[in-house]
Structure formats: structure tokens, C-alpha cells
Amino acid sequence: MRLDKFLKVSRLIKRRTLAKEVADKGRISINGLQAKASSNVKAGDELAVQFGQKRVTVRIEKIQETTRKEDAADMYTVIKEENLSQD
């Protein structure tokens, strides 16, 4: 599945166009490598997504074409969340 679609379906990012913009700015990596919106993801991959001053790292548990809002969080497991603010 494409990275931008996974981010939207899993509701890590609300809109696919926003997921594409974040990827185009180089704020997403898959297994440590910078990713494009068109990159393919699969179960077991680790995604690191930077949201402003926060970086969230998740492991993809399963891939689904569609999902209900209540079940979206089952598609991934949060490994760590870190603040990137400079003190």
C-alpha cells in the first residue's frame, strides 16, 4: 500500500493530501530511510513521522484498504514519541 494512503486509512494523518505534503518535505522515514508519498509500506515496517516539534515512531501491524475509525489504531503500534524542541 502507498505510504500516503496508509497514513490516511490508519488516521495517523487525517487527509491524504496532507500526508503527501509531509512526505514531500522529508518528514517521514520507513525503516530509517527517507520516504516519498508513493513509497510502499507493509506489515512490520517502522515509520517515523515528524509533526512539528514531535516525532512519532510506529510499527505497522496490518494493512487494510479501509477501516472504521474505532479500528484504525489497530493498524499500528506506537513505539515511541519524542519532543524535538530545542531548549
C-alpha atoms as a PDB file:
ATOM      1  CA  MET A   1       0.000   0.000   0.000  1.00  0.00           C
ATOM      2  CA  ARG A   2       1.189   3.533  -0.711  1.00  0.00           C
ATOM      3  CA  LEU A   3       2.515   5.453   2.278  1.00  0.00           C
ATOM      4  CA  ASP A   4       0.112   8.388   1.883  1.00  0.00           C
ATOM      5  CA  LYS A   5      -2.895   6.058   1.713  1.00  0.00           C
ATOM      6  CA  PHE A   6      -1.747   4.095   4.782  1.00  0.00           C
ATOM      7  CA  LEU A   7      -1.360   7.303   6.805  1.00  0.00           C
ATOM      8  CA  LYS A   8      -4.894   8.359   5.860  1.00  0.00           C
ATOM      9  CA  VAL A   9      -6.564   4.952   6.394  1.00  0.00           C
ATOM     10  CA  SER A  10      -4.795   4.468   9.749  1.00  0.00           C
ATOM     11  CA  ARG A  11      -5.722   8.068  10.663  1.00  0.00           C
ATOM     12  CA  LEU A  12      -2.166   8.975  11.663  1.00  0.00           C
ATOM     13  CA  ILE A  13      -2.720  11.913   9.296  1.00  0.00           C
ATOM     14  CA  LYS A  14      -6.291  12.954   8.535  1.00  0.00           C
ATOM     15  CA  ARG A  15      -6.042  13.746   4.804  1.00  0.00           C
ATOM     16  CA  ARG A  16      -4.106  12.047   2.020  1.00  0.00           C
ATOM     17  CA  THR A  17      -3.034  15.387   0.513  1.00  0.00           C
ATOM     18  CA  LEU A  18      -1.575  16.419   3.874  1.00  0.00           C
ATOM     19  CA  ALA A  19       0.243  13.064   4.131  1.00  0.00           C
ATOM     20  CA  LYS A  20       1.733  13.705   0.689  1.00  0.00           C
ATOM     21  CA  GLU A  21       2.909  17.194   1.713  1.00  0.00           C
ATOM     22  CA  VAL A  22       4.547  15.882   4.895  1.00  0.00           C
ATOM     23  CA  ALA A  23       6.336  13.146   2.917  1.00  0.00           C
ATOM     24  CA  ASP A  24       7.473  15.616   0.234  1.00  0.00           C
ATOM     25  CA  LYS A  25       9.064  17.757   2.947  1.00  0.00           C
ATOM     26  CA  GLY A  26      11.180  14.780   4.070  1.00  0.00           C
ATOM     27  CA  ARG A  27       9.492  14.350   7.455  1.00  0.00           C
ATOM     28  CA  ILE A  28       8.692  10.644   7.099  1.00  0.00           C
ATOM     29  CA  SER A  29      11.066   7.700   7.091  1.00  0.00           C
ATOM     30  CA  ILE A  30      10.416   3.996   6.575  1.00  0.00           C
ATOM     31  CA  ASN A  31      12.878   1.686   8.356  1.00  0.00           C
ATOM     32  CA  GLY A  32      15.327   4.595   8.686  1.00  0.00           C
ATOM     33  CA  LEU A  33      15.224   5.651   5.013  1.00  0.00           C
ATOM     34  CA  GLN A  34      13.551   8.868   3.861  1.00  0.00           C
ATOM     35  CA  ALA A  35      10.242   8.078   2.198  1.00  0.00           C
ATOM     36  CA  LYS A  36       8.131   9.555  -0.581  1.00  0.00           C
ATOM     37  CA  ALA A  37       4.326   9.569  -0.584  1.00  0.00           C
ATOM     38  CA  SER A  38       4.380   6.858  -3.254  1.00  0.00           C
ATOM     39  CA  SER A  39       6.646   4.526  -1.230  1.00  0.00           C
ATOM     40  CA  ASN A  40       5.160   1.119  -0.478  1.00  0.00           C
ATOM     41  CA  VAL A  41       4.656   0.042   3.131  1.00  0.00           C
ATOM     42  CA  LYS A  42       3.977  -3.415   4.505  1.00  0.00           C
ATOM     43  CA  ALA A  43       3.293  -5.034   7.859  1.00  0.00           C
ATOM     44  CA  GLY A  44       6.410  -4.962  10.037  1.00  0.00           C
ATOM     45  CA  ASP A  45       7.776  -1.663   8.670  1.00  0.00           C
ATOM     46  CA  GLU A  46       8.692   1.108  11.111  1.00  0.00           C
ATOM     47  CA  LEU A  47       7.550   4.629  10.277  1.00  0.00           C
ATOM     48  CA  ALA A  48       8.972   7.762  11.872  1.00  0.00           C
ATOM     49  CA  VAL A  49       6.744  10.794  11.274  1.00  0.00           C
ATOM     50  CA  GLN A  50       7.674  14.319  12.363  1.00  0.00           C
ATOM     51  CA  PHE A  51       4.740  16.519  13.392  1.00  0.00           C
ATOM     52  CA  GLY A  52       6.123  20.000  14.080  1.00  0.00           C
ATOM     53  CA  GLN A  53       8.310  19.609  17.192  1.00  0.00           C
ATOM     54  CA  LYS A  54       7.284  15.992  17.833  1.00  0.00           C
ATOM     55  CA  ARG A  55       8.425  12.732  16.239  1.00  0.00           C
ATOM     56  CA  VAL A  56       6.265   9.618  16.461  1.00  0.00           C
ATOM     57  CA  THR A  57       7.672   6.186  15.605  1.00  0.00           C
ATOM     58  CA  VAL A  58       5.175   3.401  14.863  1.00  0.00           C
ATOM     59  CA  ARG A  59       5.342  -0.213  13.662  1.00  0.00           C
ATOM     60  CA  ILE A  60       2.784  -1.232  11.042  1.00  0.00           C
ATOM     61  CA  GLU A  61       0.837  -4.235  12.328  1.00  0.00           C
ATOM     62  CA  LYS A  62      -1.516  -4.795   9.402  1.00  0.00           C
ATOM     63  CA  ILE A  63      -2.535  -3.294   6.092  1.00  0.00           C
ATOM     64  CA  GLN A  64      -6.218  -2.702   5.316  1.00  0.00           C
ATOM     65  CA  GLU A  65      -7.744  -0.860   2.377  1.00  0.00           C
ATOM     66  CA  THR A  66     -10.472   0.627   4.563  1.00  0.00           C
ATOM     67  CA  THR A  67     -11.189   0.641   8.274  1.00  0.00           C
ATOM     68  CA  ARG A  68     -13.627   2.085  10.769  1.00  0.00           C
ATOM     69  CA  LYS A  69     -12.461   4.945  12.954  1.00  0.00           C
ATOM     70  CA  GLU A  70     -12.606   2.744  16.068  1.00  0.00           C
ATOM     71  CA  ASP A  71     -10.368   0.085  14.472  1.00  0.00           C
ATOM     72  CA  ALA A  72      -7.809   2.389  12.821  1.00  0.00           C
ATOM     73  CA  ALA A  73      -5.431   2.326  15.806  1.00  0.00           C
ATOM     74  CA  ASP A  74      -5.137  -1.479  15.467  1.00  0.00           C
ATOM     75  CA  MET A  75      -3.216  -0.966  12.194  1.00  0.00           C
ATOM     76  CA  TYR A  76      -0.107   0.243  14.046  1.00  0.00           C
ATOM     77  CA  THR A  77       1.684   0.207  17.405  1.00  0.00           C
ATOM     78  CA  VAL A  78       3.326   3.346  18.763  1.00  0.00           C
ATOM     79  CA  ILE A  79       6.940   2.522  19.609  1.00  0.00           C
ATOM     80  CA  LYS A  80       7.985   5.950  20.882  1.00  0.00           C
ATOM     81  CA  GLU A  81       7.070   9.611  20.906  1.00  0.00           C
ATOM     82  CA  GLU A  82       9.736  12.241  21.376  1.00  0.00           C
ATOM     83  CA  ASN A  83       9.794  16.016  21.571  1.00  0.00           C
ATOM     84  CA  LEU A  84      12.323  17.724  19.292  1.00  0.00           C
ATOM     85  CA  SER A  85      12.196  21.165  20.915  1.00  0.00           C
ATOM     86  CA  GLN A  86      15.491  22.956  21.384  1.00  0.00           C
ATOM     87  CA  ASP A  87      15.909  24.216  24.945  1.00  0.00           C
END
